[in-house]
């Protein structure tokens, strides 16, 4: 369920819901 994007020189987790949307980098 966890999917990531490499951007800005880092792997970053794609928000999967409202909670993770608030904490995502």
PDBML (XML) file of the C-alpha atoms, coordinates in Angstrom:
<?xml version="1.0" encoding="UTF-8" ?>
<PDBx:datablock datablockName="MODEL"
   xmlns:PDBx="http://pdbml.pdb.org/schema/pdbx-v50.xsd"
   xmlns:xsi="http://www.w3.org/2001/XMLSchema-instance"
   xsi:schemaLocation="http://pdbml.pdb.org/schema/pdbx-v50.xsd pdbx-v50.xsd">
   <PDBx:atom_siteCategory>
      <PDBx:atom_site id="1">
         <PDBx:B_iso_or_equiv>0.00</PDBx:B_iso_or_equiv>
         <PDBx:Cartn_x>0.000</PDBx:Cartn_x>
         <PDBx:Cartn_y>0.000</PDBx:Cartn_y>
         <PDBx:Cartn_z>0.000</PDBx:Cartn_z>
         <PDBx:auth_asym_id>A</PDBx:auth_asym_id>
         <PDBx:auth_atom_id>CA</PDBx:auth_atom_id>
         <PDBx:auth_comp_id>UNK</PDBx:auth_comp_id>
         <PDBx:auth_seq_id>1</PDBx:auth_seq_id>
         <PDBx:group_PDB>ATOM</PDBx:group_PDB>
         <PDBx:label_alt_id xsi:nil="true" />
         <PDBx:label_asym_id>A</PDBx:label_asym_id>
         <PDBx:label_atom_id>CA</PDBx:label_atom_id>
         <PDBx:label_comp_id>UNK</PDBx:label_comp_id>
         <PDBx:label_entity_id>1</PDBx:label_entity_id>
         <PDBx:label_seq_id>1</PDBx:label_seq_id>
         <PDBx:occupancy>1.00</PDBx:occupancy>
         <PDBx:pdbx_PDB_model_num>1</PDBx:pdbx_PDB_model_num>
         <PDBx:type_symbol>C</PDBx:type_symbol>
      </PDBx:atom_site>
      <PDBx:atom_site id="2">
         <PDBx:B_iso_or_equiv>0.00</PDBx:B_iso_or_equiv>
         <PDBx:Cartn_x>3.004</PDBx:Cartn_x>
         <PDBx:Cartn_y>2.254</PDBx:Cartn_y>
         <PDBx:Cartn_z>0.526</PDBx:Cartn_z>
         <PDBx:auth_asym_id>A</PDBx:auth_asym_id>
         <PDBx:auth_atom_id>CA</PDBx:auth_atom_id>
         <PDBx:auth_comp_id>UNK</PDBx:auth_comp_id>
         <PDBx:auth_seq_id>2</PDBx:auth_seq_id>
         <PDBx:group_PDB>ATOM</PDBx:group_PDB>
         <PDBx:label_alt_id xsi:nil="true" />
         <PDBx:label_asym_id>A</PDBx:label_asym_id>
         <PDBx:label_atom_id>CA</PDBx:label_atom_id>
         <PDBx:label_comp_id>UNK</PDBx:label_comp_id>
         <PDBx:label_entity_id>1</PDBx:label_entity_id>
         <PDBx:label_seq_id>2</PDBx:label_seq_id>
         <PDBx:occupancy>1.00</PDBx:occupancy>
         <PDBx:pdbx_PDB_model_num>1</PDBx:pdbx_PDB_model_num>
         <PDBx:type_symbol>C</PDBx:type_symbol>
      </PDBx:atom_site>
      <PDBx:atom_site id="3">
         <PDBx:B_iso_or_equiv>0.00</PDBx:B_iso_or_equiv>
         <PDBx:Cartn_x>4.164</PDBx:Cartn_x>
         <PDBx:Cartn_y>3.900</PDBx:Cartn_y>
         <PDBx:Cartn_z>-2.693</PDBx:Cartn_z>
         <PDBx:auth_asym_id>A</PDBx:auth_asym_id>
         <PDBx:auth_atom_id>CA</PDBx:auth_atom_id>
         <PDBx:auth_comp_id>UNK</PDBx:auth_comp_id>
         <PDBx:auth_seq_id>3</PDBx:auth_seq_id>
         <PDBx:group_PDB>ATOM</PDBx:group_PDB>
         <PDBx:label_alt_id xsi:nil="true" />
         <PDBx:label_asym_id>A</PDBx:label_asym_id>
         <PDBx:label_atom_id>CA</PDBx:label_atom_id>
         <PDBx:label_comp_id>UNK</PDBx:label_comp_id>
         <PDBx:label_entity_id>1</PDBx:label_entity_id>
         <PDBx:label_seq_id>3</PDBx:label_seq_id>
         <PDBx:occupancy>1.00</PDBx:occupancy>
         <PDBx:pdbx_PDB_model_num>1</PDBx:pdbx_PDB_model_num>
         <PDBx:type_symbol>C</PDBx:type_symbol>
      </PDBx:atom_site>
      <PDBx:atom_site id="4">
         <PDBx:B_iso_or_equiv>0.00</PDBx:B_iso_or_equiv>
         <PDBx:Cartn_x>6.995</PDBx:Cartn_x>
         <PDBx:Cartn_y>6.356</PDBx:Cartn_y>
         <PDBx:Cartn_z>-3.076</PDBx:Cartn_z>
         <PDBx:auth_asym_id>A</PDBx:auth_asym_id>
         <PDBx:auth_atom_id>CA</PDBx:auth_atom_id>
         <PDBx:auth_comp_id>UNK</PDBx:auth_comp_id>
         <PDBx:auth_seq_id>4</PDBx:auth_seq_id>
         <PDBx:group_PDB>ATOM</PDBx:group_PDB>
         <PDBx:label_alt_id xsi:nil="true" />
         <PDBx:label_asym_id>A</PDBx:label_asym_id>
         <PDBx:label_atom_id>CA</PDBx:label_atom_id>
         <PDBx:label_comp_id>UNK</PDBx:label_comp_id>
         <PDBx:label_entity_id>1</PDBx:label_entity_id>
         <PDBx:label_seq_id>4</PDBx:label_seq_id>
         <PDBx:occupancy>1.00</PDBx:occupancy>
         <PDBx:pdbx_PDB_model_num>1</PDBx:pdbx_PDB_model_num>
         <PDBx:type_symbol>C</PDBx:type_symbol>
      </PDBx:atom_site>
      <PDBx:atom_site id="5">
         <PDBx:B_iso_or_equiv>0.00</PDBx:B_iso_or_equiv>
         <PDBx:Cartn_x>8.328</PDBx:Cartn_x>
         <PDBx:Cartn_y>9.079</PDBx:Cartn_y>
         <PDBx:Cartn_z>-5.349</PDBx:Cartn_z>
         <PDBx:auth_asym_id>A</PDBx:auth_asym_id>
         <PDBx:auth_atom_id>CA</PDBx:auth_atom_id>
         <PDBx:auth_comp_id>UNK</PDBx:auth_comp_id>
         <PDBx:auth_seq_id>5</PDBx:auth_seq_id>
         <PDBx:group_PDB>ATOM</PDBx:group_PDB>
         <PDBx:label_alt_id xsi:nil="true" />
         <PDBx:label_asym_id>A</PDBx:label_asym_id>
         <PDBx:label_atom_id>CA</PDBx:label_atom_id>
         <PDBx:label_comp_id>UNK</PDBx:label_comp_id>
         <PDBx:label_entity_id>1</PDBx:label_entity_id>
         <PDBx:label_seq_id>5</PDBx:label_seq_id>
         <PDBx:occupancy>1.00</PDBx:occupancy>
         <PDBx:pdbx_PDB_model_num>1</PDBx:pdbx_PDB_model_num>
         <PDBx:type_symbol>C</PDBx:type_symbol>
      </PDBx:atom_site>
      <PDBx:atom_site id="6">
         <PDBx:B_iso_or_equiv>0.00</PDBx:B_iso_or_equiv>
         <PDBx:Cartn_x>11.970</PDBx:Cartn_x>
         <PDBx:Cartn_y>10.097</PDBx:Cartn_y>
         <PDBx:Cartn_z>-5.609</PDBx:Cartn_z>
         <PDBx:auth_asym_id>A</PDBx:auth_asym_id>
         <PDBx:auth_atom_id>CA</PDBx:auth_atom_id>
         <PDBx:auth_comp_id>UNK</PDBx:auth_comp_id>
         <PDBx:auth_seq_id>6</PDBx:auth_seq_id>
         <PDBx:group_PDB>ATOM</PDBx:group_PDB>
         <PDBx:label_alt_id xsi:nil="true" />
         <PDBx:label_asym_id>A</PDBx:label_asym_id>
         <PDBx:label_atom_id>CA</PDBx:label_atom_id>
         <PDBx:label_comp_id>UNK</PDBx:label_comp_id>
         <PDBx:label_entity_id>1</PDBx:label_entity_id>
         <PDBx:label_seq_id>6</PDBx:label_seq_id>
         <PDBx:occupancy>1.00</PDBx:occupancy>
         <PDBx:pdbx_PDB_model_num>1</PDBx:pdbx_PDB_model_num>
         <PDBx:type_symbol>C</PDBx:type_symbol>
      </PDBx:atom_site>
      <PDBx:atom_site id="7">
         <PDBx:B_iso_or_equiv>0.00</PDBx:B_iso_or_equiv>
         <PDBx:Cartn_x>11.967</PDBx:Cartn_x>
         <PDBx:Cartn_y>13.874</PDBx:Cartn_y>
         <PDBx:Cartn_z>-5.767</PDBx:Cartn_z>
         <PDBx:auth_asym_id>A</PDBx:auth_asym_id>
         <PDBx:auth_atom_id>CA</PDBx:auth_atom_id>
         <PDBx:auth_comp_id>UNK</PDBx:auth_comp_id>
         <PDBx:auth_seq_id>7</PDBx:auth_seq_id>
         <PDBx:group_PDB>ATOM</PDBx:group_PDB>
         <PDBx:label_alt_id xsi:nil="true" />
         <PDBx:label_asym_id>A</PDBx:label_asym_id>
         <PDBx:label_atom_id>CA</PDBx:label_atom_id>
         <PDBx:label_comp_id>UNK</PDBx:label_comp_id>
         <PDBx:label_entity_id>1</PDBx:label_entity_id>
         <PDBx:label_seq_id>7</PDBx:label_seq_id>
         <PDBx:occupancy>1.00</PDBx:occupancy>
         <PDBx:pdbx_PDB_model_num>1</PDBx:pdbx_PDB_model_num>
         <PDBx:type_symbol>C</PDBx:type_symbol>
      </PDBx:atom_site>
      <PDBx:atom_site id="8">
         <PDBx:B_iso_or_equiv>0.00</PDBx:B_iso_or_equiv>
         <PDBx:Cartn_x>14.168</PDBx:Cartn_x>
         <PDBx:Cartn_y>16.573</PDBx:Cartn_y>
         <PDBx:Cartn_z>-4.290</PDBx:Cartn_z>
         <PDBx:auth_asym_id>A</PDBx:auth_asym_id>
         <PDBx:auth_atom_id>CA</PDBx:auth_atom_id>
         <PDBx:auth_comp_id>UNK</PDBx:auth_comp_id>
         <PDBx:auth_seq_id>8</PDBx:auth_seq_id>
         <PDBx:group_PDB>ATOM</PDBx:group_PDB>
         <PDBx:label_alt_id xsi:nil="true" />
         <PDBx:label_asym_id>A</PDBx:label_asym_id>
         <PDBx:label_atom_id>CA</PDBx:label_atom_id>
         <PDBx:label_comp_id>UNK</PDBx:label_comp_id>
         <PDBx:label_entity_id>1</PDBx:label_entity_id>
         <PDBx:label_seq_id>8</PDBx:label_seq_id>
         <PDBx:occupancy>1.00</PDBx:occupancy>
         <PDBx:pdbx_PDB_model_num>1</PDBx:pdbx_PDB_model_num>
         <PDBx:type_symbol>C</PDBx:type_symbol>
      </PDBx:atom_site>
      <PDBx:atom_site id="9">
         <PDBx:B_iso_or_equiv>0.00</PDBx:B_iso_or_equiv>
         <PDBx:Cartn_x>16.961</PDBx:Cartn_x>
         <PDBx:Cartn_y>14.023</PDBx:Cartn_y>
         <PDBx:Cartn_z>-3.825</PDBx:Cartn_z>
         <PDBx:auth_asym_id>A</PDBx:auth_asym_id>
         <PDBx:auth_atom_id>CA</PDBx:auth_atom_id>
         <PDBx:auth_comp_id>UNK</PDBx:auth_comp_id>
         <PDBx:auth_seq_id>9</PDBx:auth_seq_id>
         <PDBx:group_PDB>ATOM</PDBx:group_PDB>
         <PDBx:label_alt_id xsi:nil="true" />
         <PDBx:label_asym_id>A</PDBx:label_asym_id>
         <PDBx:label_atom_id>CA</PDBx:label_atom_id>
         <PDBx:label_comp_id>UNK</PDBx:label_comp_id>
         <PDBx:label_entity_id>1</PDBx:label_entity_id>
         <PDBx:label_seq_id>9</PDBx:label_seq_id>
         <PDBx:occupancy>1.00</PDBx:occupancy>
         <PDBx:pdbx_PDB_model_num>1</PDBx:pdbx_PDB_model_num>
         <PDBx:type_symbol>C</PDBx:type_symbol>
      </PDBx:atom_site>
      <PDBx:atom_site id="10">
         <PDBx:B_iso_or_equiv>0.00</PDBx:B_iso_or_equiv>
         <PDBx:Cartn_x>14.926</PDBx:Cartn_x>
         <PDBx:Cartn_y>11.797</PDBx:Cartn_y>
         <PDBx:Cartn_z>-1.469</PDBx:Cartn_z>
         <PDBx:auth_asym_id>A</PDBx:auth_asym_id>
         <PDBx:auth_atom_id>CA</PDBx:auth_atom_id>
         <PDBx:auth_comp_id>UNK</PDBx:auth_comp_id>
         <PDBx:auth_seq_id>10</PDBx:auth_seq_id>
         <PDBx:group_PDB>ATOM</PDBx:group_PDB>
         <PDBx:label_alt_id xsi:nil="true" />
         <PDBx:label_asym_id>A</PDBx:label_asym_id>
         <PDBx:label_atom_id>CA</PDBx:label_atom_id>
         <PDBx:label_comp_id>UNK</PDBx:label_comp_id>
         <PDBx:label_entity_id>1</PDBx:label_entity_id>
         <PDBx:label_seq_id>10</PDBx:label_seq_id>
         <PDBx:occupancy>1.00</PDBx:occupancy>
         <PDBx:pdbx_PDB_model_num>1</PDBx:pdbx_PDB_model_num>
         <PDBx:type_symbol>C</PDBx:type_symbol>
      </PDBx:atom_site>
      <PDBx:atom_site id="11">
         <PDBx:B_iso_or_equiv>0.00</PDBx:B_iso_or_equiv>
         <PDBx:Cartn_x>12.439</PDBx:Cartn_x>
         <PDBx:Cartn_y>8.943</PDBx:Cartn_y>
         <PDBx:Cartn_z>-1.486</PDBx:Cartn_z>
         <PDBx:auth_asym_id>A</PDBx:auth_asym_id>
         <PDBx:auth_atom_id>CA</PDBx:auth_atom_id>
         <PDBx:auth_comp_id>UNK</PDBx:auth_comp_id>
         <PDBx:auth_seq_id>11</PDBx:auth_seq_id>
         <PDBx:group_PDB>ATOM</PDBx:group_PDB>
         <PDBx:label_alt_id xsi:nil="true" />
         <PDBx:label_asym_id>A</PDBx:label_asym_id>
         <PDBx:label_atom_id>CA</PDBx:label_atom_id>
         <PDBx:label_comp_id>UNK</PDBx:label_comp_id>
         <PDBx:label_entity_id>1</PDBx:label_entity_id>
         <PDBx:label_seq_id>11</PDBx:label_seq_id>
         <PDBx:occupancy>1.00</PDBx:occupancy>
         <PDBx:pdbx_PDB_model_num>1</PDBx:pdbx_PDB_model_num>
         <PDBx:type_symbol>C</PDBx:type_symbol>
      </PDBx:atom_site>
      <PDBx:atom_site id="12">
         <PDBx:B_iso_or_equiv>0.00</PDBx:B_iso_or_equiv>
         <PDBx:Cartn_x>9.131</PDBx:Cartn_x>
         <PDBx:Cartn_y>10.318</PDBx:Cartn_y>
         <PDBx:Cartn_z>-0.212</PDBx:Cartn_z>
         <PDBx:auth_asym_id>A</PDBx:auth_asym_id>
         <PDBx:auth_atom_id>CA</PDBx:auth_atom_id>
         <PDBx:auth_comp_id>UNK</PDBx:auth_comp_id>
         <PDBx:auth_seq_id>12</PDBx:auth_seq_id>
         <PDBx:group_PDB>ATOM</PDBx:group_PDB>
         <PDBx:label_alt_id xsi:nil="true" />
         <PDBx:label_asym_id>A</PDBx:label_asym_id>
         <PDBx:label_atom_id>CA</PDBx:label_atom_id>
         <PDBx:label_comp_id>UNK</PDBx:label_comp_id>
         <PDBx:label_entity_id>1</PDBx:label_entity_id>
         <PDBx:label_seq_id>12</PDBx:label_seq_id>
         <PDBx:occupancy>1.00</PDBx:occupancy>
         <PDBx:pdbx_PDB_model_num>1</PDBx:pdbx_PDB_model_num>
         <PDBx:type_symbol>C</PDBx:type_symbol>
      </PDBx:atom_site>
      <PDBx:atom_site id="13">
         <PDBx:B_iso_or_equiv>0.00</PDBx:B_iso_or_equiv>
         <PDBx:Cartn_x>5.975</PDBx:Cartn_x>
         <PDBx:Cartn_y>8.377</PDBx:Cartn_y>
         <PDBx:Cartn_z>0.611</PDBx:Cartn_z>
         <PDBx:auth_asym_id>A</PDBx:auth_asym_id>
         <PDBx:auth_atom_id>CA</PDBx:auth_atom_id>
         <PDBx:auth_comp_id>UNK</PDBx:auth_comp_id>
         <PDBx:auth_seq_id>13</PDBx:auth_seq_id>
         <PDBx:group_PDB>ATOM</PDBx:group_PDB>
         <PDBx:label_alt_id xsi:nil="true" />
         <PDBx:label_asym_id>A</PDBx:label_asym_id>
         <PDBx:label_atom_id>CA</PDBx:label_atom_id>
         <PDBx:label_comp_id>UNK</PDBx:label_comp_id>
         <PDBx:label_entity_id>1</PDBx:label_entity_id>
         <PDBx:label_seq_id>13</PDBx:label_seq_id>
         <PDBx:occupancy>1.00</PDBx:occupancy>
         <PDBx:pdbx_PDB_model_num>1</PDBx:pdbx_PDB_model_num>
         <PDBx:type_symbol>C</PDBx:type_symbol>
      </PDBx:atom_site>
      <PDBx:atom_site id="14">
         <PDBx:B_iso_or_equiv>0.00</PDBx:B_iso_or_equiv>
         <PDBx:Cartn_x>2.856</PDBx:Cartn_x>
         <PDBx:Cartn_y>9.209</PDBx:Cartn_y>
         <PDBx:Cartn_z>-1.388</PDBx:Cartn_z>
         <PDBx:auth_asym_id>A</PDBx:auth_asym_id>
         <PDBx:auth_atom_id>CA</PDBx:auth_atom_id>
         <PDBx:auth_comp_id>UNK</PDBx:auth_comp_id>
         <PDBx:auth_seq_id>14</PDBx:auth_seq_id>
         <PDBx:group_PDB>ATOM</PDBx:group_PDB>
         <PDBx:label_alt_id xsi:nil="true" />
         <PDBx:label_asym_id>A</PDBx:label_asym_id>
         <PDBx:label_atom_id>CA</PDBx:label_atom_id>
         <PDBx:label_comp_id>UNK</PDBx:label_comp_id>
         <PDBx:label_entity_id>1</PDBx:label_entity_id>
         <PDBx:label_seq_id>14</PDBx:label_seq_id>
         <PDBx:occupancy>1.00</PDBx:occupancy>
         <PDBx:pdbx_PDB_model_num>1</PDBx:pdbx_PDB_model_num>
         <PDBx:type_symbol>C</PDBx:type_symbol>
      </PDBx:atom_site>
      <PDBx:atom_site id="15">
         <PDBx:B_iso_or_equiv>0.00</PDBx:B_iso_or_equiv>
         <PDBx:Cartn_x>-0.024</PDBx:Cartn_x>
         <PDBx:Cartn_y>10.100</PDBx:Cartn_y>
         <PDBx:Cartn_z>0.963</PDBx:Cartn_z>
         <PDBx:auth_asym_id>A</PDBx:auth_asym_id>
         <PDBx:auth_atom_id>CA</PDBx:auth_atom_id>
         <PDBx:auth_comp_id>UNK</PDBx:auth_comp_id>
         <PDBx:auth_seq_id>15</PDBx:auth_seq_id>
         <PDBx:group_PDB>ATOM</PDBx:group_PDB>
         <PDBx:label_alt_id xsi:nil="true" />
         <PDBx:label_asym_id>A</PDBx:label_asym_id>
         <PDBx:label_atom_id>CA</PDBx:label_atom_id>
         <PDBx:label_comp_id>UNK</PDBx:label_comp_id>
         <PDBx:label_entity_id>1</PDBx:label_entity_id>
         <PDBx:label_seq_id>15</PDBx:label_seq_id>
         <PDBx:occupancy>1.00</PDBx:occupancy>
         <PDBx:pdbx_PDB_model_num>1</PDBx:pdbx_PDB_model_num>
         <PDBx:type_symbol>C</PDBx:type_symbol>
      </PDBx:atom_site>
      <PDBx:atom_site id="16">
         <PDBx:B_iso_or_equiv>0.00</PDBx:B_iso_or_equiv>
         <PDBx:Cartn_x>-2.536</PDBx:Cartn_x>
         <PDBx:Cartn_y>7.260</PDBx:Cartn_y>
         <PDBx:Cartn_z>1.161</PDBx:Cartn_z>
         <PDBx:auth_asym_id>A</PDBx:auth_asym_id>
         <PDBx:auth_atom_id>CA</PDBx:auth_atom_id>
         <PDBx:auth_comp_id>UNK</PDBx:auth_comp_id>
         <PDBx:auth_seq_id>16</PDBx:auth_seq_id>
         <PDBx:group_PDB>ATOM</PDBx:group_PDB>
         <PDBx:label_alt_id xsi:nil="true" />
         <PDBx:label_asym_id>A</PDBx:label_asym_id>
         <PDBx:label_atom_id>CA</PDBx:label_atom_id>
         <PDBx:label_comp_id>UNK</PDBx:label_comp_id>
         <PDBx:label_entity_id>1</PDBx:label_entity_id>
         <PDBx:label_seq_id>16</PDBx:label_seq_id>
         <PDBx:occupancy>1.00</PDBx:occupancy>
         <PDBx:pdbx_PDB_model_num>1</PDBx:pdbx_PDB_model_num>
         <PDBx:type_symbol>C</PDBx:type_symbol>
      </PDBx:atom_site>
      <PDBx:atom_site id="17">
         <PDBx:B_iso_or_equiv>0.00</PDBx:B_iso_or_equiv>
         <PDBx:Cartn_x>-5.162</PDBx:Cartn_x>
         <PDBx:Cartn_y>9.101</PDBx:Cartn_y>
         <PDBx:Cartn_z>3.201</PDBx:Cartn_z>
         <PDBx:auth_asym_id>A</PDBx:auth_asym_id>
         <PDBx:auth_atom_id>CA</PDBx:auth_atom_id>
         <PDBx:auth_comp_id>UNK</PDBx:auth_comp_id>
         <PDBx:auth_seq_id>17</PDBx:auth_seq_id>
         <PDBx:group_PDB>ATOM</PDBx:group_PDB>
         <PDBx:label_alt_id xsi:nil="true" />
         <PDBx:label_asym_id>A</PDBx:label_asym_id>
         <PDBx:label_atom_id>CA</PDBx:label_atom_id>
         <PDBx:label_comp_id>UNK</PDBx:label_comp_id>
         <PDBx:label_entity_id>1</PDBx:label_entity_id>
         <PDBx:label_seq_id>17</PDBx:label_seq_id>
         <PDBx:occupancy>1.00</PDBx:occupancy>
         <PDBx:pdbx_PDB_model_num>1</PDBx:pdbx_PDB_model_num>
         <PDBx:type_symbol>C</PDBx:type_symbol>
      </PDBx:atom_site>
      <PDBx:atom_site id="18">
         <PDBx:B_iso_or_equiv>0.00</PDBx:B_iso_or_equiv>
         <PDBx:Cartn_x>-5.957</PDBx:Cartn_x>
         <PDBx:Cartn_y>12.272</PDBx:Cartn_y>
         <PDBx:Cartn_z>5.187</PDBx:Cartn_z>
         <PDBx:auth_asym_id>A</PDBx:auth_asym_id>
         <PDBx:auth_atom_id>CA</PDBx:auth_atom_id>
         <PDBx:auth_comp_id>UNK</PDBx:auth_comp_id>
         <PDBx:auth_seq_id>18</PDBx:auth_seq_id>
         <PDBx:group_PDB>ATOM</PDBx:group_PDB>
         <PDBx:label_alt_id xsi:nil="true" />
         <PDBx:label_asym_id>A</PDBx:label_asym_id>
         <PDBx:label_atom_id>CA</PDBx:label_atom_id>
         <PDBx:label_comp_id>UNK</PDBx:label_comp_id>
         <PDBx:label_entity_id>1</PDBx:label_entity_id>
         <PDBx:label_seq_id>18</PDBx:label_seq_id>
         <PDBx:occupancy>1.00</PDBx:occupancy>
         <PDBx:pdbx_PDB_model_num>1</PDBx:pdbx_PDB_model_num>
         <PDBx:type_symbol>C</PDBx:type_symbol>
      </PDBx:atom_site>
      <PDBx:atom_site id="19">
         <PDBx:B_iso_or_equiv>0.00</PDBx:B_iso_or_equiv>
         <PDBx:Cartn_x>-3.671</PDBx:Cartn_x>
         <PDBx:Cartn_y>11.320</PDBx:Cartn_y>
         <PDBx:Cartn_z>8.071</PDBx:Cartn_z>
         <PDBx:auth_asym_id>A</PDBx:auth_asym_id>
         <PDBx:auth_atom_id>CA</PDBx:auth_atom_id>
         <PDBx:auth_comp_id>UNK</PDBx:auth_comp_id>
         <PDBx:auth_seq_id>19</PDBx:auth_seq_id>
         <PDBx:group_PDB>ATOM</PDBx:group_PDB>
         <PDBx:label_alt_id xsi:nil="true" />
         <PDBx:label_asym_id>A</PDBx:label_asym_id>
         <PDBx:label_atom_id>CA</PDBx:label_atom_id>
         <PDBx:label_comp_id>UNK</PDBx:label_comp_id>
         <PDBx:label_entity_id>1</PDBx:label_entity_id>
         <PDBx:label_seq_id>19</PDBx:label_seq_id>
         <PDBx:occupancy>1.00</PDBx:occupancy>
         <PDBx:pdbx_PDB_model_num>1</PDBx:pdbx_PDB_model_num>
         <PDBx:type_symbol>C</PDBx:type_symbol>
      </PDBx:atom_site>
      <PDBx:atom_site id="20">
         <PDBx:B_iso_or_equiv>0.00</PDBx:B_iso_or_equiv>
         <PDBx:Cartn_x>-0.598</PDBx:Cartn_x>
         <PDBx:Cartn_y>10.657</PDBx:Cartn_y>
         <PDBx:Cartn_z>5.957</PDBx:Cartn_z>
         <PDBx:auth_asym_id>A</PDBx:auth_asym_id>
         <PDBx:auth_atom_id>CA</PDBx:auth_atom_id>
         <PDBx:auth_comp_id>UNK</PDBx:auth_comp_id>
         <PDBx:auth_seq_id>20</PDBx:auth_seq_id>
         <PDBx:group_PDB>ATOM</PDBx:group_PDB>
         <PDBx:label_alt_id xsi:nil="true" />
         <PDBx:label_asym_id>A</PDBx:label_asym_id>
         <PDBx:label_atom_id>CA</PDBx:label_atom_id>
         <PDBx:label_comp_id>UNK</PDBx:label_comp_id>
         <PDBx:label_entity_id>1</PDBx:label_entity_id>
         <PDBx:label_seq_id>20</PDBx:label_seq_id>
         <PDBx:occupancy>1.00</PDBx:occupancy>
         <PDBx:pdbx_PDB_model_num>1</PDBx:pdbx_PDB_model_num>
         <PDBx:type_symbol>C</PDBx:type_symbol>
      </PDBx:atom_site>
      <PDBx:atom_site id="21">
         <PDBx:B_iso_or_equiv>0.00</PDBx:B_iso_or_equiv>
         <PDBx:Cartn_x>-1.423</PDBx:Cartn_x>
         <PDBx:Cartn_y>13.722</PDBx:Cartn_y>
         <PDBx:Cartn_z>3.859</PDBx:Cartn_z>
         <PDBx:auth_asym_id>A</PDBx:auth_asym_id>
         <PDBx:auth_atom_id>CA</PDBx:auth_atom_id>
         <PDBx:auth_comp_id>UNK</PDBx:auth_comp_id>
         <PDBx:auth_seq_id>21</PDBx:auth_seq_id>
         <PDBx:group_PDB>ATOM</PDBx:group_PDB>
         <PDBx:label_alt_id xsi:nil="true" />
         <PDBx:label_asym_id>A</PDBx:label_asym_id>
         <PDBx:label_atom_id>CA</PDBx:label_atom_id>
         <PDBx:label_comp_id>UNK</PDBx:label_comp_id>
         <PDBx:label_entity_id>1</PDBx:label_entity_id>
         <PDBx:label_seq_id>21</PDBx:label_seq_id>
         <PDBx:occupancy>1.00</PDBx:occupancy>
         <PDBx:pdbx_PDB_model_num>1</PDBx:pdbx_PDB_model_num>
         <PDBx:type_symbol>C</PDBx:type_symbol>
      </PDBx:atom_site>
      <PDBx:atom_site id="22">
         <PDBx:B_iso_or_equiv>0.00</PDBx:B_iso_or_equiv>
         <PDBx:Cartn_x>-0.836</PDBx:Cartn_x>
         <PDBx:Cartn_y>15.899</PDBx:Cartn_y>
         <PDBx:Cartn_z>6.910</PDBx:Cartn_z>
         <PDBx:auth_asym_id>A</PDBx:auth_asym_id>
         <PDBx:auth_atom_id>CA</PDBx:auth_atom_id>
         <PDBx:auth_comp_id>UNK</PDBx:auth_comp_id>
         <PDBx:auth_seq_id>22</PDBx:auth_seq_id>
         <PDBx:group_PDB>ATOM</PDBx:group_PDB>
         <PDBx:label_alt_id xsi:nil="true" />
         <PDBx:label_asym_id>A</PDBx:label_asym_id>
         <PDBx:label_atom_id>CA</PDBx:label_atom_id>
         <PDBx:label_comp_id>UNK</PDBx:label_comp_id>
         <PDBx:label_entity_id>1</PDBx:label_entity_id>
         <PDBx:label_seq_id>22</PDBx:label_seq_id>
         <PDBx:occupancy>1.00</PDBx:occupancy>
         <PDBx:pdbx_PDB_model_num>1</PDBx:pdbx_PDB_model_num>
         <PDBx:type_symbol>C</PDBx:type_symbol>
      </PDBx:atom_site>
      <PDBx:atom_site id="23">
         <PDBx:B_iso_or_equiv>0.00</PDBx:B_iso_or_equiv>
         <PDBx:Cartn_x>2.536</PDBx:Cartn_x>
         <PDBx:Cartn_y>14.342</PDBx:Cartn_y>
         <PDBx:Cartn_z>7.735</PDBx:Cartn_z>
         <PDBx:auth_asym_id>A</PDBx:auth_asym_id>
         <PDBx:auth_atom_id>CA</PDBx:auth_atom_id>
         <PDBx:auth_comp_id>UNK</PDBx:auth_comp_id>
         <PDBx:auth_seq_id>23</PDBx:auth_seq_id>
         <PDBx:group_PDB>ATOM</PDBx:group_PDB>
         <PDBx:label_alt_id xsi:nil="true" />
         <PDBx:label_asym_id>A</PDBx:label_asym_id>
         <PDBx:label_atom_id>CA</PDBx:label_atom_id>
         <PDBx:label_comp_id>UNK</PDBx:label_comp_id>
         <PDBx:label_entity_id>1</PDBx:label_entity_id>
         <PDBx:label_seq_id>23</PDBx:label_seq_id>
         <PDBx:occupancy>1.00</PDBx:occupancy>
         <PDBx:pdbx_PDB_model_num>1</PDBx:pdbx_PDB_model_num>
         <PDBx:type_symbol>C</PDBx:type_symbol>
      </PDBx:atom_site>
      <PDBx:atom_site id="24">
         <PDBx:B_iso_or_equiv>0.00</PDBx:B_iso_or_equiv>
         <PDBx:Cartn_x>4.004</PDBx:Cartn_x>
         <PDBx:Cartn_y>13.666</PDBx:Cartn_y>
         <PDBx:Cartn_z>4.282</PDBx:Cartn_z>
         <PDBx:auth_asym_id>A</PDBx:auth_asym_id>
         <PDBx:auth_atom_id>CA</PDBx:auth_atom_id>
         <PDBx:auth_comp_id>UNK</PDBx:auth_comp_id>
         <PDBx:auth_seq_id>24</PDBx:auth_seq_id>
         <PDBx:group_PDB>ATOM</PDBx:group_PDB>
         <PDBx:label_alt_id xsi:nil="true" />
         <PDBx:label_asym_id>A</PDBx:label_asym_id>
         <PDBx:label_atom_id>CA</PDBx:label_atom_id>
         <PDBx:label_comp_id>UNK</PDBx:label_comp_id>
         <PDBx:label_entity_id>1</PDBx:label_entity_id>
         <PDBx:label_seq_id>24</PDBx:label_seq_id>
         <PDBx:occupancy>1.00</PDBx:occupancy>
         <PDBx:pdbx_PDB_model_num>1</PDBx:pdbx_PDB_model_num>
         <PDBx:type_symbol>C</PDBx:type_symbol>
      </PDBx:atom_site>
      <PDBx:atom_site id="25">
         <PDBx:B_iso_or_equiv>0.00</PDBx:B_iso_or_equiv>
         <PDBx:Cartn_x>7.225</PDBx:Cartn_x>
         <PDBx:Cartn_y>15.387</PDBx:Cartn_y>
         <PDBx:Cartn_z>3.236</PDBx:Cartn_z>
         <PDBx:auth_asym_id>A</PDBx:auth_asym_id>
         <PDBx:auth_atom_id>CA</PDBx:auth_atom_id>
         <PDBx:auth_comp_id>UNK</PDBx:auth_comp_id>
         <PDBx:auth_seq_id>25</PDBx:auth_seq_id>
         <PDBx:group_PDB>ATOM</PDBx:group_PDB>
         <PDBx:label_alt_id xsi:nil="true" />
         <PDBx:label_asym_id>A</PDBx:label_asym_id>
         <PDBx:label_atom_id>CA</PDBx:label_atom_id>
         <PDBx:label_comp_id>UNK</PDBx:label_comp_id>
         <PDBx:label_entity_id>1</PDBx:label_entity_id>
         <PDBx:label_seq_id>25</PDBx:label_seq_id>
         <PDBx:occupancy>1.00</PDBx:occupancy>
         <PDBx:pdbx_PDB_model_num>1</PDBx:pdbx_PDB_model_num>
         <PDBx:type_symbol>C</PDBx:type_symbol>
      </PDBx:atom_site>
   </PDBx:atom_siteCategory>
</PDBx:datablock>
